[in-house]
C-alpha atoms as a PDB file:
ATOM      1  CA  MET A   1       6.675  -6.841  26.178  1.00  0.00           C
ATOM      2  CA  ASP A   2       5.898  -2.783  26.377  1.00  0.00           C
ATOM      3  CA  THR A   3       2.227  -1.453  24.738  1.00  0.00           C
ATOM      4  CA  LYS A   4       3.173  -0.326  21.868  1.00  0.00           C
ATOM      5  CA  ALA A   5       4.439  -3.912  20.603  1.00  0.00           C
ATOM      6  CA  ALA A   6       1.330  -5.468  22.055  1.00  0.00           C
ATOM      7  CA  ILE A   7      -0.640  -3.072  20.352  1.00  0.00           C
ATOM      8  CA  ILE A   8       0.386  -3.906  17.261  1.00  0.00           C
ATOM      9  CA  ALA A   9       0.590  -7.653  17.660  1.00  0.00           C
ATOM     10  CA  LEU A  10      -2.575  -7.487  18.550  1.00  0.00           C
ATOM     11  CA  LEU A  11      -3.947  -5.425  15.529  1.00  0.00           C
ATOM     12  CA  SER A  12      -1.761  -7.573  13.332  1.00  0.00           C
ATOM     13  CA  VAL A  13      -3.160 -11.277  15.305  1.00  0.00           C
ATOM     14  CA  TRP A  14      -7.063  -9.087  14.495  1.00  0.00           C
ATOM     15  CA  GLY A  15      -5.837  -8.962  10.680  1.00  0.00           C
ATOM     16  CA  VAL A  16      -6.034  -5.084  10.607  1.00  0.00           C
ATOM     17  CA  GLY A  17      -3.235  -4.274   8.517  1.00  0.00           C
ATOM     18  CA  THR A  18      -4.234  -6.901   5.839  1.00  0.00           C
ATOM     19  CA  CYS A  19      -7.480  -4.823   4.771  1.00  0.00           C
ATOM     20  CA  VAL A  20      -5.751  -2.162   3.616  1.00  0.00           C
ATOM     21  CA  SER A  21      -3.911  -3.940   0.493  1.00  0.00           C
ATOM     22  CA  LEU A  22      -6.743  -5.160  -0.505  1.00  0.00           C
ATOM     23  CA  PRO A  23      -8.113  -3.270  -4.232  1.00  0.00           C
ATOM     24  CA  ALA A  24     -11.654  -1.155  -2.805  1.00  0.00           C
ATOM     25  CA  SER A  25     -12.938  -2.602  -5.895  1.00  0.00           C
ATOM     26  CA  ALA A  26     -13.172  -4.627  -9.152  1.00  0.00           C
ATOM     27  CA  GLN A  27     -12.943  -1.797 -10.924  1.00  0.00           C
ATOM     28  CA  GLU A  28      -8.894  -0.914  -9.236  1.00  0.00           C
ATOM     29  CA  THR A  29      -8.257  -4.659  -9.962  1.00  0.00           C
ATOM     30  CA  GLU A  30      -8.940  -4.485 -13.410  1.00  0.00           C
ATOM     31  CA  THR A  31      -7.527  -0.673 -14.057  1.00  0.00           C
ATOM     32  CA  GLU A  32      -4.479  -2.769 -11.931  1.00  0.00           C
ATOM     33  CA  ASP A  33      -4.136  -5.610 -14.726  1.00  0.00           C
ATOM     34  CA  ALA A  34      -4.130  -3.089 -17.461  1.00  0.00           C
ATOM     35  CA  ALA A  35      -1.867  -1.015 -16.316  1.00  0.00           C
ATOM     36  CA  GLU A  36       0.118  -4.350 -15.827  1.00  0.00           C
ATOM     37  CA  SER A  37      -0.520  -5.556 -18.778  1.00  0.00           C
ATOM     38  CA  GLU A  38       0.619  -2.502 -20.589  1.00  0.00           C
ATOM     39  CA  ALA A  39       3.703  -2.686 -18.955  1.00  0.00           C
ATOM     40  CA  THR A  40       5.063  -6.332 -20.153  1.00  0.00           C
ATOM     41  CA  SER A  41       3.942  -5.683 -23.768  1.00  0.00           C
ATOM     42  CA  ASN A  42       5.280  -2.371 -24.153  1.00  0.00           C
ATOM     43  CA  PRO A  43       9.608  -2.481 -24.852  1.00  0.00           C
ATOM     44  CA  LEU A  44       9.504   1.053 -23.964  1.00  0.00           C
ATOM     45  CA  LEU A  45       8.406   0.639 -19.888  1.00  0.00           C
ATOM     46  CA  ASN A  46       9.950   0.041 -17.048  1.00  0.00           C
ATOM     47  CA  ARG A  47      13.548  -0.142 -18.393  1.00  0.00           C
ATOM     48  CA  VAL A  48      16.332   1.727 -17.871  1.00  0.00           C
ATOM     49  CA  TRP A  49      17.929   3.109 -21.532  1.00  0.00           C
ATOM     50  CA  VAL A  50      20.956   4.277 -21.427  1.00  0.00           C
ATOM     51  CA  ARG A  51      22.125   6.495 -24.731  1.00  0.00           C
ATOM     52  CA  ALA A  52      24.402   4.218 -26.657  1.00  0.00           C
ATOM     53  CA  ASP A  53      25.446   7.317 -29.653  1.00  0.00           C
ATOM     54  CA  ASP A  54      27.805   9.573 -27.428  1.00  0.00           C
ATOM     55  CA  THR A  55      30.518   9.910 -28.429  1.00  0.00           C
ATOM     56  CA  ASN A  56      32.661  11.513 -25.587  1.00  0.00           C
ATOM     57  CA  GLY A  57      33.440   8.155 -24.516  1.00  0.00           C
ATOM     58  CA  LEU A  58      31.679   8.740 -21.760  1.00  0.00           C
ATOM     59  CA  PRO A  59      28.692   6.889 -20.038  1.00  0.00           C
ATOM     60  CA  GLY A  60      25.522   8.188 -21.891  1.00  0.00           C
ATOM     61  CA  PRO A  61      22.378   9.724 -20.100  1.00  0.00           C
ATOM     62  CA  MET A  62      19.651   7.543 -18.906  1.00  0.00           C
ATOM     63  CA  HIS A  63      15.957   7.548 -19.172  1.00  0.00           C
ATOM     64  CA  ILE A  64      13.457   5.609 -17.503  1.00  0.00           C
ATOM     65  CA  PHE A  65       9.998   5.807 -19.175  1.00  0.00           C
ATOM     66  CA  LEU A  66       7.455   3.975 -15.667  1.00  0.00           C
ATOM     67  CA  ALA A  67       4.264   3.177 -16.535  1.00  0.00           C
ATOM     68  CA  ASP A  68       2.635   5.839 -14.209  1.00  0.00           C
ATOM     69  CA  GLY A  69       3.559   8.688 -16.776  1.00  0.00           C
ATOM     70  CA  THR A  70       6.886   9.500 -14.681  1.00  0.00           C
ATOM     71  CA  LEU A  71       9.972   9.632 -16.778  1.00  0.00           C
ATOM     72  CA  VAL A  72      13.312   9.563 -14.347  1.00  0.00           C
ATOM     73  CA  SER A  73      16.559  10.779 -16.662  1.00  0.00           C
ATOM     74  CA  ASP A  74      19.895  10.559 -14.859  1.00  0.00           C
ATOM     75  CA  SER A  75      23.756   9.905 -15.568  1.00  0.00           C
ATOM     76  CA  CYS A  76      26.499   9.911 -13.852  1.00  0.00           C
ATOM     77  CA  TRP A  77      27.504  13.109 -14.223  1.00  0.00           C
ATOM     78  CA  GLU A  78      24.207  15.283 -13.405  1.00  0.00           C
ATOM     79  CA  THR A  79      22.002  15.075 -10.805  1.00  0.00           C
ATOM     80  CA  TYR A  80      18.473  13.033 -11.471  1.00  0.00           C
ATOM     81  CA  ARG A  81      15.474  14.501 -12.818  1.00  0.00           C
ATOM     82  CA  LEU A  82      11.687  13.388 -12.703  1.00  0.00           C
ATOM     83  CA  SER A  83       9.222  14.458 -14.863  1.00  0.00           C
ATOM     84  CA  GLN A  84       5.710  13.679 -16.568  1.00  0.00           C
ATOM     85  CA  TRP A  85       5.934  11.911 -20.001  1.00  0.00           C
ATOM     86  CA  GLN A  86       3.086  10.262 -22.139  1.00  0.00           C
ATOM     87  CA  GLN A  87       2.790   8.324 -24.862  1.00  0.00           C
ATOM     88  CA  VAL A  88       0.239  10.094 -27.295  1.00  0.00           C
ATOM     89  CA  SER A  89       0.485   7.915 -29.845  1.00  0.00           C
ATOM     90  CA  PRO A  90       1.435   4.643 -30.814  1.00  0.00           C
ATOM     91  CA  THR A  91       4.773   6.059 -32.442  1.00  0.00           C
ATOM     92  CA  ALA A  92       5.246   9.552 -30.024  1.00  0.00           C
ATOM     93  CA  ILE A  93       5.548  10.249 -26.718  1.00  0.00           C
ATOM     94  CA  SER A  94       6.386  13.649 -25.255  1.00  0.00           C
ATOM     95  CA  TRP A  95       7.715  15.075 -21.678  1.00  0.00           C
ATOM     96  CA  ASP A  96       7.844  17.853 -19.803  1.00  0.00           C
ATOM     97  CA  GLU A  97      12.044  19.383 -19.372  1.00  0.00           C
ATOM     98  CA  ASP A  98      12.096  22.579 -17.250  1.00  0.00           C
ATOM     99  CA  GLY A  99       8.639  23.740 -18.826  1.00  0.00           C
ATOM    100  CA  ILE A 100       9.004  23.199 -22.113  1.00  0.00           C
ATOM    101  CA  GLU A 101       7.226  20.007 -23.891  1.00  0.00           C
ATOM    102  CA  ILE A 102       9.695  17.750 -25.326  1.00  0.00           C
ATOM    103  CA  LYS A 103       7.926  15.795 -28.733  1.00  0.00           C
ATOM    104  CA  ALA A 104       9.624  12.994 -29.745  1.00  0.00           C
ATOM    105  CA  ASP A 105       9.256   9.770 -32.617  1.00  0.00           C
ATOM    106  CA  ILE A 106       9.672   6.273 -31.949  1.00  0.00           C
ATOM    107  CA  ALA A 107      11.668   5.580 -34.892  1.00  0.00           C
ATOM    108  CA  THR A 108      12.567   2.059 -33.139  1.00  0.00           C
ATOM    109  CA  VAL A 109      11.893   0.236 -29.993  1.00  0.00           C
ATOM    110  CA  SER A 110      12.313  -4.005 -29.081  1.00  0.00           C
ATOM    111  CA  ASP A 111      13.912  -5.518 -26.470  1.00  0.00           C
ATOM    112  CA  ALA A 112      17.388  -4.727 -27.605  1.00  0.00           C
ATOM    113  CA  GLU A 113      17.281  -0.705 -28.832  1.00  0.00           C
ATOM    114  CA  LEU A 114      15.307   2.321 -28.426  1.00  0.00           C
ATOM    115  CA  VAL A 115      15.425   5.079 -31.140  1.00  0.00           C
ATOM    116  CA  LEU A 116      14.338   8.619 -30.452  1.00  0.00           C
ATOM    117  CA  ARG A 117      13.627  11.499 -33.162  1.00  0.00           C
ATOM    118  CA  LEU A 118      14.043  14.591 -30.925  1.00  0.00           C
ATOM    119  CA  ASN A 119      11.486  17.456 -32.548  1.00  0.00           C
ATOM    120  CA  LEU A 120      13.431  20.408 -31.917  1.00  0.00           C
ATOM    121  CA  GLY A 121      11.815  23.318 -33.373  1.00  0.00           C
ATOM    122  CA  SER A 122      13.292  22.706 -36.758  1.00  0.00           C
ATOM    123  CA  GLU A 123      15.902  20.791 -35.933  1.00  0.00           C
ATOM    124  CA  VAL A 124      15.488  17.353 -35.557  1.00  0.00           C
ATOM    125  CA  LYS A 125      18.087  15.011 -33.801  1.00  0.00           C
ATOM    126  CA  GLU A 126      17.927  11.597 -33.228  1.00  0.00           C
ATOM    127  CA  GLN A 127      19.317   9.590 -29.990  1.00  0.00           C
ATOM    128  CA  ARG A 128      19.757   5.933 -29.719  1.00  0.00           C
ATOM    129  CA  PHE A 129      19.311   4.028 -26.428  1.00  0.00           C
ATOM    130  CA  VAL A 130      20.009  -0.033 -25.748  1.00  0.00           C
ATOM    131  CA  PRO A 131      19.035  -1.095 -22.385  1.00  0.00           C
ATOM    132  CA  ALA A 132      21.615  -0.779 -19.449  1.00  0.00           C
ATOM    133  CA  ALA A 133      23.700  -3.634 -18.622  1.00  0.00           C
ATOM    134  CA  VAL A 134      22.996  -5.283 -14.522  1.00  0.00           C
ATOM    135  CA  PRO A 135      24.861  -4.808 -13.031  1.00  0.00           C
ATOM    136  CA  TYR A 136      26.623  -1.477 -12.946  1.00  0.00           C
ATOM    137  CA  VAL A 137      28.190   1.197 -11.643  1.00  0.00           C
ATOM    138  CA  CYS A 138      29.403   4.710 -13.029  1.00  0.00           C
ATOM    139  CA  PRO A 139      33.223   5.420 -13.131  1.00  0.00           C
ATOM    140  CA  ASP A 140      35.206   7.390 -10.866  1.00  0.00           C
ATOM    141  CA  MET A 141      35.055  10.725 -11.771  1.00  0.00           C
ATOM    142  CA  GLU A 142      38.419  11.915 -13.583  1.00  0.00           C
ATOM    143  CA  SER A 143      40.192  14.406 -11.780  1.00  0.00           C
END
């Protein structure tokens, strides 16, 4: 056994690695429990939403609203984007896109559907999403 492997084995026996994963205080545990509870009770969170109202016949863009405030936006045709998002009320969200705040009203959110009304200046644009089917692979691009 080489020296590096011996040190790792010794640290494992002493339990050094196990202490790192324990919460530092009860408050951290309560915060984690509250975030976990919100993530399971809010159907908007931690789900891959695929745009369902595109009429061009191509798979629609995807949004994933993570409980930590990260919005993952992706599509089969563009590079993914990570943005900050927040739920400003039970029926409204906002996110930052290239330095511009996008505000949206949640018209509908359930396990089966998400309908957003984006407030884009004087224009209101409705977007409809459904949960992504799993497994899913983007189709090959046509030449």
